[in-house]
Amino acid sequence: MNHGAESDVSRRRVGQRLVLLAVFLWVVAIWLWIPQIKMWLPLPWPELPLETPDGPRTYYLVTPPTTRPGERLPLLFFLQGFDGLGSPSVGTSETYWALADQVAERRFIAVFPRGRPGSFPERPDVRAWYPEGFAENREFLVALARHLIASYPVDPSRVVLAGFSNGGYFAAIEALTRPDSPFTAFWCDGGAYPYALHPAVPRRRILLSAGDRDEYNLPQVEIFRRFILEHGWEEGRNLRTHRHRWAHVFAVWALEEALDFLAAPAAAPSTPSGP
């Protein structure tokens, strides 16, 4: 019996198995890292311009690859809080991707407007939405909403304004102060405060989300929630609250809940009520 030959064959088989295992692990590693790698790459959607009285503003737009005859889609605005002056940060890009990845399956249009430099005076190195330049930012968003409603198969009764952090505070102000808002529902995440209430504002649907560890913004969100509950909103009807165990991060995992609630077909208008 040639034990040496049998040993060589055995070693070759072990070597082949190790090579196959190494290739398998390499493929798995690449597959797992692809979502992370793309966050560092330029966004695949062009940064589109919109002319405004205060100069050109820009946004990204993601639409389903096809639309069905007669289909009218929800339109979801997402306002990032602080973001870099140049290209979107890695964190912002990650959120854009997370929302964009659901566009085709959930059948909605996503738009990512870019904030205004100088809107948060304490941080001249970022784009934001308020307090400075609030009127200019609102004019941009309203004009963009009207442009997209006119240009794409958008259902004007399902135009959602979602904002994170500084964007959430902006969305909260729009929800409580603008009876003529083109936005029909609001998602305020990690930021909201009741700065004012217009007596004629409709009680449009609001989703509030915040993290239990968000020491600064959670108390503001809770003040906002108590205020709107005293002024015509009702939990489970036109208000939903989503709490998570993290700190100041956008609750992108709540997108399904948000779309089911905020982008559902419009019900009968909710008239102002309460004090």
C-alpha atoms as a PDB file:
ATOM      1  CA  MET A   1       0.000   0.000   0.000  1.00  0.00           C
ATOM      2  CA  ASN A   2       1.401   3.355  -1.014  1.00  0.00           C
ATOM      3  CA  HIS A   3       0.787   5.418   2.072  1.00  0.00           C
ATOM      4  CA  GLY A   4       2.798   8.318   0.650  1.00  0.00           C
ATOM      5  CA  ALA A   5       0.505   8.622  -2.392  1.00  0.00           C
ATOM      6  CA  GLU A   6      -2.601   8.432  -0.213  1.00  0.00           C
ATOM      7  CA  SER A   7      -1.143  11.145   2.035  1.00  0.00           C
ATOM      8  CA  ASP A   8      -0.487  13.401  -0.969  1.00  0.00           C
ATOM      9  CA  VAL A   9      -4.062  12.943  -2.202  1.00  0.00           C
ATOM     10  CA  SER A  10      -5.404  13.712   1.257  1.00  0.00           C
ATOM     11  CA  ARG A  11      -3.304  16.874   1.498  1.00  0.00           C
ATOM     12  CA  ARG A  12      -4.480  18.016  -1.932  1.00  0.00           C
ATOM     13  CA  ARG A  13      -8.109  17.523  -0.901  1.00  0.00           C
ATOM     14  CA  VAL A  14      -7.570  19.490   2.290  1.00  0.00           C
ATOM     15  CA  GLY A  15      -5.857  22.228   0.304  1.00  0.00           C
ATOM     16  CA  GLN A  16      -8.729  22.391  -2.197  1.00  0.00           C
ATOM     17  CA  ARG A  17     -11.239  22.626   0.619  1.00  0.00           C
ATOM     18  CA  LEU A  18      -9.276  25.418   2.257  1.00  0.00           C
ATOM     19  CA  VAL A  19      -9.152  27.314  -1.036  1.00  0.00           C
ATOM     20  CA  LEU A  20     -12.905  26.904  -1.498  1.00  0.00           C
ATOM     21  CA  LEU A  21     -13.496  28.035   2.080  1.00  0.00           C
ATOM     22  CA  ALA A  22     -11.267  31.070   1.556  1.00  0.00           C
ATOM     23  CA  VAL A  23     -13.113  32.003  -1.659  1.00  0.00           C
ATOM     24  CA  PHE A  24     -16.477  31.568   0.079  1.00  0.00           C
ATOM     25  CA  LEU A  25     -15.435  33.765   3.001  1.00  0.00           C
ATOM     26  CA  TRP A  26     -14.053  36.382   0.597  1.00  0.00           C
ATOM     27  CA  VAL A  27     -17.352  36.485  -1.318  1.00  0.00           C
ATOM     28  CA  VAL A  28     -19.326  36.775   1.936  1.00  0.00           C
ATOM     29  CA  ALA A  29     -17.044  39.573   3.147  1.00  0.00           C
ATOM     30  CA  ILE A  30     -17.458  41.510  -0.096  1.00  0.00           C
ATOM     31  CA  TRP A  31     -21.246  41.003   0.019  1.00  0.00           C
ATOM     32  CA  LEU A  32     -21.411  42.296   3.585  1.00  0.00           C
ATOM     33  CA  TRP A  33     -19.156  45.269   2.889  1.00  0.00           C
ATOM     34  CA  ILE A  34     -20.890  46.470  -0.295  1.00  0.00           C
ATOM     35  CA  PRO A  35     -23.549  48.446   1.636  1.00  0.00           C
ATOM     36  CA  GLN A  36     -20.781  50.104   3.666  1.00  0.00           C
ATOM     37  CA  ILE A  37     -18.558  50.838   0.688  1.00  0.00           C
ATOM     38  CA  LYS A  38     -21.298  52.618  -1.252  1.00  0.00           C
ATOM     39  CA  MET A  39     -21.740  55.123   1.600  1.00  0.00           C
ATOM     40  CA  TRP A  40     -18.275  56.481   0.784  1.00  0.00           C
ATOM     41  CA  LEU A  41     -18.947  56.760  -2.943  1.00  0.00           C
ATOM     42  CA  PRO A  42     -20.661  59.705  -4.671  1.00  0.00           C
ATOM     43  CA  LEU A  43     -24.439  59.398  -4.630  1.00  0.00           C
ATOM     44  CA  PRO A  44     -25.771  57.839  -7.851  1.00  0.00           C
ATOM     45  CA  TRP A  45     -28.512  60.436  -8.277  1.00  0.00           C
ATOM     46  CA  PRO A  46     -27.751  63.811  -9.848  1.00  0.00           C
ATOM     47  CA  GLU A  47     -27.982  66.873  -7.628  1.00  0.00           C
ATOM     48  CA  LEU A  48     -30.814  68.730  -9.337  1.00  0.00           C
ATOM     49  CA  PRO A  49     -31.235  72.529  -9.307  1.00  0.00           C
ATOM     50  CA  LEU A  50     -34.320  74.576  -8.556  1.00  0.00           C
ATOM     51  CA  GLU A  51     -34.347  78.315  -9.115  1.00  0.00           C
ATOM     52  CA  THR A  52     -35.733  80.365  -6.214  1.00  0.00           C
ATOM     53  CA  PRO A  53     -35.941  84.138  -5.568  1.00  0.00           C
ATOM     54  CA  ASP A  54     -32.931  83.712  -3.265  1.00  0.00           C
ATOM     55  CA  GLY A  55     -30.843  81.862  -5.809  1.00  0.00           C
ATOM     56  CA  PRO A  56     -30.535  78.248  -6.954  1.00  0.00           C
ATOM     57  CA  ARG A  57     -31.151  75.444  -4.473  1.00  0.00           C
ATOM     58  CA  THR A  58     -30.539  71.744  -5.039  1.00  0.00           C
ATOM     59  CA  TYR A  59     -32.048  68.379  -4.201  1.00  0.00           C
ATOM     60  CA  TYR A  60     -31.771  64.654  -4.945  1.00  0.00           C
ATOM     61  CA  LEU A  61     -34.740  62.729  -6.307  1.00  0.00           C
ATOM     62  CA  VAL A  62     -35.391  58.970  -6.256  1.00  0.00           C
ATOM     63  CA  THR A  63     -38.362  57.523  -8.143  1.00  0.00           C
ATOM     64  CA  PRO A  64     -39.511  53.938  -8.744  1.00  0.00           C
ATOM     65  CA  PRO A  65     -38.029  52.514 -11.973  1.00  0.00           C
ATOM     66  CA  THR A  66     -41.517  52.214 -13.473  1.00  0.00           C
ATOM     67  CA  THR A  67     -44.974  53.550 -12.745  1.00  0.00           C
ATOM     68  CA  ARG A  68     -48.282  51.866 -13.402  1.00  0.00           C
ATOM     69  CA  PRO A  69     -51.010  53.431 -15.554  1.00  0.00           C
ATOM     70  CA  GLY A  70     -52.944  55.931 -13.488  1.00  0.00           C
ATOM     71  CA  GLU A  71     -50.769  55.401 -10.413  1.00  0.00           C
ATOM     72  CA  ARG A  72     -50.391  58.367  -8.060  1.00  0.00           C
ATOM     73  CA  LEU A  73     -47.558  57.988  -5.588  1.00  0.00           C
ATOM     74  CA  PRO A  74     -46.856  59.397  -2.126  1.00  0.00           C
ATOM     75  CA  LEU A  75     -44.054  61.966  -2.049  1.00  0.00           C
ATOM     76  CA  LEU A  76     -41.673  61.823   0.928  1.00  0.00           C
ATOM     77  CA  PHE A  77     -39.459  64.814   1.676  1.00  0.00           C
ATOM     78  CA  PHE A  78     -36.550  64.097   4.008  1.00  0.00           C
ATOM     79  CA  LEU A  79     -34.744  67.012   5.665  1.00  0.00           C
ATOM     80  CA  GLN A  80     -31.396  66.026   7.143  1.00  0.00           C
ATOM     81  CA  GLY A  81     -30.398  68.037  10.196  1.00  0.00           C
ATOM     82  CA  PHE A  82     -26.843  69.359  10.155  1.00  0.00           C
ATOM     83  CA  ASP A  83     -24.933  68.377   7.030  1.00  0.00           C
ATOM     84  CA  GLY A  84     -21.649  69.375   5.419  1.00  0.00           C
ATOM     85  CA  LEU A  85     -21.330  72.352   3.123  1.00  0.00           C
ATOM     86  CA  GLY A  86     -19.960  70.189   0.321  1.00  0.00           C
ATOM     87  CA  SER A  87     -21.142  66.725  -0.577  1.00  0.00           C
ATOM     88  CA  PRO A  88     -23.517  64.963   1.833  1.00  0.00           C
ATOM     89  CA  SER A  89     -21.713  63.378   4.769  1.00  0.00           C
ATOM     90  CA  VAL A  90     -21.351  59.619   5.122  1.00  0.00           C
ATOM     91  CA  GLY A  91     -24.109  59.613   7.768  1.00  0.00           C
ATOM     92  CA  THR A  92     -26.447  61.586   5.533  1.00  0.00           C
ATOM     93  CA  SER A  93     -25.675  59.349   2.561  1.00  0.00           C
ATOM     94  CA  GLU A  94     -26.430  56.286   4.675  1.00  0.00           C
ATOM     95  CA  THR A  95     -29.892  57.663   5.506  1.00  0.00           C
ATOM     96  CA  TYR A  96     -30.542  58.619   1.875  1.00  0.00           C
ATOM     97  CA  TRP A  97     -29.631  55.088   0.778  1.00  0.00           C
ATOM     98  CA  ALA A  98     -31.805  53.488   3.470  1.00  0.00           C
ATOM     99  CA  LEU A  99     -34.832  55.464   2.282  1.00  0.00           C
ATOM    100  CA  ALA A 100     -34.053  55.106  -1.412  1.00  0.00           C
ATOM    101  CA  ASP A 101     -33.738  51.329  -1.108  1.00  0.00           C
ATOM    102  CA  GLN A 102     -37.449  51.172  -0.184  1.00  0.00           C
ATOM    103  CA  VAL A 103     -38.761  53.382  -3.000  1.00  0.00           C
ATOM    104  CA  ALA A 104     -39.482  50.650  -5.535  1.00  0.00           C
ATOM    105  CA  GLU A 105     -41.017  48.165  -3.092  1.00  0.00           C
ATOM    106  CA  ARG A 106     -43.076  50.648  -1.079  1.00  0.00           C
ATOM    107  CA  ARG A 107     -44.132  52.659  -4.140  1.00  0.00           C
ATOM    108  CA  PHE A 108     -43.261  56.242  -3.210  1.00  0.00           C
ATOM    109  CA  ILE A 109     -41.060  59.070  -4.464  1.00  0.00           C
ATOM    110  CA  ALA A 110     -38.276  60.298  -2.188  1.00  0.00           C
ATOM    111  CA  VAL A 111     -36.769  63.769  -2.365  1.00  0.00           C
ATOM    112  CA  PHE A 112     -33.734  64.911  -0.397  1.00  0.00           C
ATOM    113  CA  PRO A 113     -33.487  68.729  -0.414  1.00  0.00           C
ATOM    114  CA  ARG A 114     -30.215  70.262   0.709  1.00  0.00           C
ATOM    115  CA  GLY A 115     -30.260  72.663   3.618  1.00  0.00           C
ATOM    116  CA  ARG A 116     -29.056  76.262   3.620  1.00  0.00           C
ATOM    117  CA  PRO A 117     -25.530  77.224   4.727  1.00  0.00           C
ATOM    118  CA  GLY A 118     -25.647  79.615   7.656  1.00  0.00           C
ATOM    119  CA  SER A 119     -29.089  78.592   8.884  1.00  0.00           C
ATOM    120  CA  PHE A 120     -27.662  77.630  12.277  1.00  0.00           C
ATOM    121  CA  PRO A 121     -25.412  80.567  13.218  1.00  0.00           C
ATOM    122  CA  GLU A 122     -23.466  78.682  15.899  1.00  0.00           C
ATOM    123  CA  ARG A 123     -22.316  76.227  13.234  1.00  0.00           C
ATOM    124  CA  PRO A 124     -21.225  78.095  10.086  1.00  0.00           C
ATOM    125  CA  ASP A 125     -19.681  74.862   8.804  1.00  0.00           C
ATOM    126  CA  VAL A 126     -23.033  73.114   8.258  1.00  0.00           C
ATOM    127  CA  ARG A 127     -26.216  73.311   6.219  1.00  0.00           C
ATOM    128  CA  ALA A 128     -29.435  73.452   8.220  1.00  0.00           C
ATOM    129  CA  TRP A 129     -33.093  74.593   8.107  1.00  0.00           C
ATOM    130  CA  TYR A 130     -33.644  77.009  10.964  1.00  0.00           C
ATOM    131  CA  PRO A 131     -33.558  79.469  12.744  1.00  0.00           C
ATOM    132  CA  GLU A 132     -31.793  81.752  10.226  1.00  0.00           C
ATOM    133  CA  GLY A 133     -33.107  81.691   6.696  1.00  0.00           C
ATOM    134  CA  PHE A 134     -36.307  79.964   7.788  1.00  0.00           C
ATOM    135  CA  ALA A 135     -38.469  81.861   5.302  1.00  0.00           C
ATOM    136  CA  GLU A 136     -36.070  81.187   2.428  1.00  0.00           C
ATOM    137  CA  ASN A 137     -35.932  77.503   3.300  1.00  0.00           C
ATOM    138  CA  ARG A 138     -39.711  77.265   3.441  1.00  0.00           C
ATOM    139  CA  GLU A 139     -40.116  79.028   0.084  1.00  0.00           C
ATOM    140  CA  PHE A 140     -37.669  76.543  -1.431  1.00  0.00           C
ATOM    141  CA  LEU A 141     -39.499  73.507  -0.051  1.00  0.00           C
ATOM    142  CA  VAL A 142     -42.952  74.765  -1.016  1.00  0.00           C
ATOM    143  CA  ALA A 143     -41.762  75.591  -4.538  1.00  0.00           C
ATOM    144  CA  LEU A 144     -40.095  72.183  -4.791  1.00  0.00           C
ATOM    145  CA  ALA A 145     -43.254  70.403  -3.620  1.00  0.00           C
ATOM    146  CA  ARG A 146     -45.345  72.225  -6.208  1.00  0.00           C
ATOM    147  CA  HIS A 147     -42.791  71.509  -8.941  1.00  0.00           C
ATOM    148  CA  LEU A 148     -42.688  67.782  -8.164  1.00  0.00           C
ATOM    149  CA  ILE A 149     -46.478  67.496  -7.876  1.00  0.00           C
ATOM    150  CA  ALA A 150     -46.781  69.074 -11.320  1.00  0.00           C
ATOM    151  CA  SER A 151     -43.958  67.048 -12.895  1.00  0.00           C
ATOM    152  CA  TYR A 152     -44.353  63.527 -11.495  1.00  0.00           C
ATOM    153  CA  PRO A 153     -47.255  61.141 -10.749  1.00  0.00           C
ATOM    154  CA  VAL A 154     -47.610  62.451  -7.204  1.00  0.00           C
ATOM    155  CA  ASP A 155     -50.747  62.159  -5.111  1.00  0.00           C
ATOM    156  CA  PRO A 156     -51.051  65.712  -3.701  1.00  0.00           C
ATOM    157  CA  SER A 157     -53.041  64.361  -0.747  1.00  0.00           C
ATOM    158  CA  ARG A 158     -50.015  62.294   0.342  1.00  0.00           C
ATOM    159  CA  VAL A 159     -47.043  64.649   0.543  1.00  0.00           C
ATOM    160  CA  VAL A 160     -45.057  63.898   3.698  1.00  0.00           C
ATOM    161  CA  LEU A 161     -42.464  66.197   5.252  1.00  0.00           C
ATOM    162  CA  ALA A 162     -40.004  64.202   7.347  1.00  0.00           C
ATOM    163  CA  GLY A 163     -37.171  65.861   9.219  1.00  0.00           C
ATOM    164  CA  PHE A 164     -34.405  64.685  11.505  1.00  0.00           C
ATOM    165  CA  SER A 165     -32.928  66.828  14.279  1.00  0.00           C
ATOM    166  CA  ASN A 166     -32.802  70.420  12.966  1.00  0.00           C
ATOM    167  CA  GLY A 167     -35.018  69.246  10.097  1.00  0.00           C
ATOM    168  CA  GLY A 168     -37.494  67.847  12.618  1.00  0.00           C
ATOM    169  CA  TYR A 169     -37.812  71.192  14.376  1.00  0.00           C
ATOM    170  CA  PHE A 170     -38.468  72.803  10.990  1.00  0.00           C
ATOM    171  CA  ALA A 171     -41.154  70.212  10.147  1.00  0.00           C
ATOM    172  CA  ALA A 172     -42.818  70.785  13.527  1.00  0.00           C
ATOM    173  CA  ILE A 173     -43.060  74.537  12.886  1.00  0.00           C
ATOM    174  CA  GLU A 174     -44.555  73.912   9.438  1.00  0.00           C
ATOM    175  CA  ALA A 175     -47.100  71.488  10.911  1.00  0.00           C
ATOM    176  CA  LEU A 176     -48.365  73.951  13.537  1.00  0.00           C
ATOM    177  CA  THR A 177     -48.177  77.296  11.778  1.00  0.00           C
ATOM    178  CA  ARG A 178     -49.084  76.906   8.080  1.00  0.00           C
ATOM    179  CA  PRO A 179     -52.727  76.243   7.183  1.00  0.00           C
ATOM    180  CA  ASP A 180     -51.736  76.545   3.503  1.00  0.00           C
ATOM    181  CA  SER A 181     -48.924  73.994   3.677  1.00  0.00           C
ATOM    182  CA  PRO A 182     -48.608  71.648   0.682  1.00  0.00           C
ATOM    183  CA  PHE A 183     -47.491  68.963   3.131  1.00  0.00           C
ATOM    184  CA  THR A 184     -50.269  66.694   4.316  1.00  0.00           C
ATOM    185  CA  ALA A 185     -48.437  64.816   7.083  1.00  0.00           C
ATOM    186  CA  PHE A 186     -45.276  65.202   9.134  1.00  0.00           C
ATOM    187  CA  TRP A 187     -42.579  62.980  10.612  1.00  0.00           C
ATOM    188  CA  CYS A 188     -40.540  64.762  13.284  1.00  0.00           C
ATOM    189  CA  ASP A 189     -37.602  62.639  14.408  1.00  0.00           C
ATOM    190  CA  GLY A 190     -35.187  63.698  17.131  1.00  0.00           C
ATOM    191  CA  GLY A 191     -36.473  67.270  17.136  1.00  0.00           C
ATOM    192  CA  ALA A 192     -39.749  69.169  17.625  1.00  0.00           C
ATOM    193  CA  TYR A 193     -40.985  72.082  19.716  1.00  0.00           C
ATOM    194  CA  PRO A 194     -44.305  74.025  19.848  1.00  0.00           C
ATOM    195  CA  TYR A 195     -43.045  77.510  19.024  1.00  0.00           C
ATOM    196  CA  ALA A 196     -46.493  78.647  17.855  1.00  0.00           C
ATOM    197  CA  LEU A 197     -49.906  77.411  16.737  1.00  0.00           C
ATOM    198  CA  HIS A 198     -51.991  78.992  13.988  1.00  0.00           C
ATOM    199  CA  PRO A 199     -55.669  78.798  15.010  1.00  0.00           C
ATOM    200  CA  ALA A 200     -56.730  77.612  11.530  1.00  0.00           C
ATOM    201  CA  VAL A 201     -54.088  74.953  10.989  1.00  0.00           C
ATOM    202  CA  PRO A 202     -55.585  71.528  10.149  1.00  0.00           C
ATOM    203  CA  ARG A 203     -54.801  68.723  12.574  1.00  0.00           C
ATOM    204  CA  ARG A 204     -52.727  66.835  10.030  1.00  0.00           C
ATOM    205  CA  ARG A 205     -51.143  63.490  10.858  1.00  0.00           C
ATOM    206  CA  ILE A 206     -47.876  63.620  12.806  1.00  0.00           C
ATOM    207  CA  LEU A 207     -45.439  60.855  13.668  1.00  0.00           C
ATOM    208  CA  LEU A 208     -43.043  61.658  16.497  1.00  0.00           C
ATOM    209  CA  SER A 209     -39.949  59.527  16.985  1.00  0.00           C
ATOM    210  CA  ALA A 210     -37.053  59.972  19.373  1.00  0.00           C
ATOM    211  CA  GLY A 211     -34.486  57.970  21.295  1.00  0.00           C
ATOM    212  CA  ASP A 212     -34.651  57.280  25.009  1.00  0.00           C
ATOM    213  CA  ARG A 213     -30.972  58.293  25.283  1.00  0.00           C
ATOM    214  CA  ASP A 214     -31.362  61.589  23.403  1.00  0.00           C
ATOM    215  CA  GLU A 215     -30.861  63.741  26.488  1.00  0.00           C
ATOM    216  CA  TYR A 216     -31.207  67.119  24.772  1.00  0.00           C
ATOM    217  CA  ASN A 217     -33.904  66.578  22.132  1.00  0.00           C
ATOM    218  CA  LEU A 218     -36.198  64.041  23.801  1.00  0.00           C
ATOM    219  CA  PRO A 219     -37.491  66.551  26.386  1.00  0.00           C
ATOM    220  CA  GLN A 220     -38.308  69.023  23.565  1.00  0.00           C
ATOM    221  CA  VAL A 221     -40.158  66.303  21.648  1.00  0.00           C
ATOM    222  CA  GLU A 222     -42.130  65.409  24.777  1.00  0.00           C
ATOM    223  CA  ILE A 223     -43.111  69.077  25.302  1.00  0.00           C
ATOM    224  CA  PHE A 224     -44.276  69.189  21.681  1.00  0.00           C
ATOM    225  CA  ARG A 225     -46.275  65.975  22.126  1.00  0.00           C
ATOM    226  CA  ARG A 226     -48.047  67.203  25.258  1.00  0.00           C
ATOM    227  CA  PHE A 227     -48.857  70.485  23.540  1.00  0.00           C
ATOM    228  CA  ILE A 228     -50.450  68.972  20.447  1.00  0.00           C
ATOM    229  CA  LEU A 229     -52.418  66.487  22.565  1.00  0.00           C
ATOM    230  CA  GLU A 230     -53.966  69.529  24.255  1.00  0.00           C
ATOM    231  CA  HIS A 231     -54.762  71.158  20.904  1.00  0.00           C
ATOM    232  CA  GLY A 232     -56.707  68.683  18.806  1.00  0.00           C
ATOM    233  CA  TRP A 233     -54.349  65.787  18.161  1.00  0.00           C
ATOM    234  CA  GLU A 234     -55.160  62.339  19.490  1.00  0.00           C
ATOM    235  CA  GLU A 235     -52.781  59.409  19.879  1.00  0.00           C
ATOM    236  CA  GLY A 236     -53.682  56.652  17.425  1.00  0.00           C
ATOM    237  CA  ARG A 237     -55.858  58.888  15.248  1.00  0.00           C
ATOM    238  CA  ASN A 238     -53.755  61.736  13.886  1.00  0.00           C
ATOM    239  CA  LEU A 239     -50.722  61.218  16.126  1.00  0.00           C
ATOM    240  CA  ARG A 240     -48.363  58.314  16.602  1.00  0.00           C
ATOM    241  CA  THR A 241     -45.353  58.152  18.883  1.00  0.00           C
ATOM    242  CA  HIS A 242     -42.354  55.930  18.233  1.00  0.00           C
ATOM    243  CA  ARG A 243     -39.672  55.622  20.913  1.00  0.00           C
ATOM    244  CA  HIS A 244     -36.462  53.664  20.476  1.00  0.00           C
ATOM    245  CA  ARG A 245     -33.606  52.780  22.785  1.00  0.00           C
ATOM    246  CA  TRP A 246     -30.879  54.691  20.952  1.00  0.00           C
ATOM    247  CA  ALA A 247     -29.780  58.315  21.236  1.00  0.00           C
ATOM    248  CA  HIS A 248     -29.787  60.957  18.501  1.00  0.00           C
ATOM    249  CA  VAL A 249     -30.130  58.849  15.345  1.00  0.00           C
ATOM    250  CA  PHE A 250     -32.772  58.897  12.622  1.00  0.00           C
ATOM    251  CA  ALA A 251     -35.215  55.988  13.103  1.00  0.00           C
ATOM    252  CA  VAL A 252     -35.033  54.782   9.513  1.00  0.00           C
ATOM    253  CA  TRP A 253     -36.247  51.343  10.660  1.00  0.00           C
ATOM    254  CA  ALA A 254     -39.621  53.024  11.383  1.00  0.00           C
ATOM    255  CA  LEU A 255     -40.106  53.876   7.692  1.00  0.00           C
ATOM    256  CA  GLU A 256     -42.713  51.154   7.139  1.00  0.00           C
ATOM    257  CA  GLU A 257     -44.741  52.370  10.110  1.00  0.00           C
ATOM    258  CA  ALA A 258     -44.336  55.961   8.943  1.00  0.00           C
ATOM    259  CA  LEU A 259     -45.537  55.262   5.410  1.00  0.00           C
ATOM    260  CA  ASP A 260     -48.463  53.149   6.605  1.00  0.00           C
ATOM    261  CA  PHE A 261     -49.615  55.974   8.865  1.00  0.00           C
ATOM    262  CA  LEU A 262     -48.559  59.183   7.112  1.00  0.00           C
ATOM    263  CA  ALA A 263     -48.920  58.174   3.471  1.00  0.00           C
ATOM    264  CA  ALA A 264     -52.176  56.253   3.782  1.00  0.00           C
ATOM    265  CA  PRO A 265     -54.987  57.450   1.493  1.00  0.00           C
ATOM    266  CA  ALA A 266     -56.412  60.679   2.803  1.00  0.00           C
ATOM    267  CA  ALA A 267     -59.374  60.400   5.137  1.00  0.00           C
ATOM    268  CA  ALA A 268     -61.934  63.099   5.806  1.00  0.00           C
ATOM    269  CA  PRO A 269     -60.224  66.394   6.674  1.00  0.00           C
ATOM    270  CA  SER A 270     -59.527  66.927  10.347  1.00  0.00           C
ATOM    271  CA  THR A 271     -60.876  70.289  11.433  1.00  0.00           C
ATOM    272  CA  PRO A 272     -59.267  72.398  14.153  1.00  0.00           C
ATOM    273  CA  SER A 273     -60.490  71.574  17.624  1.00  0.00           C
ATOM    274  CA  GLY A 274     -59.423  71.957  21.190  1.00  0.00           C
ATOM    275  CA  PRO A 275     -58.393  75.142  23.044  1.00  0.00           C
END
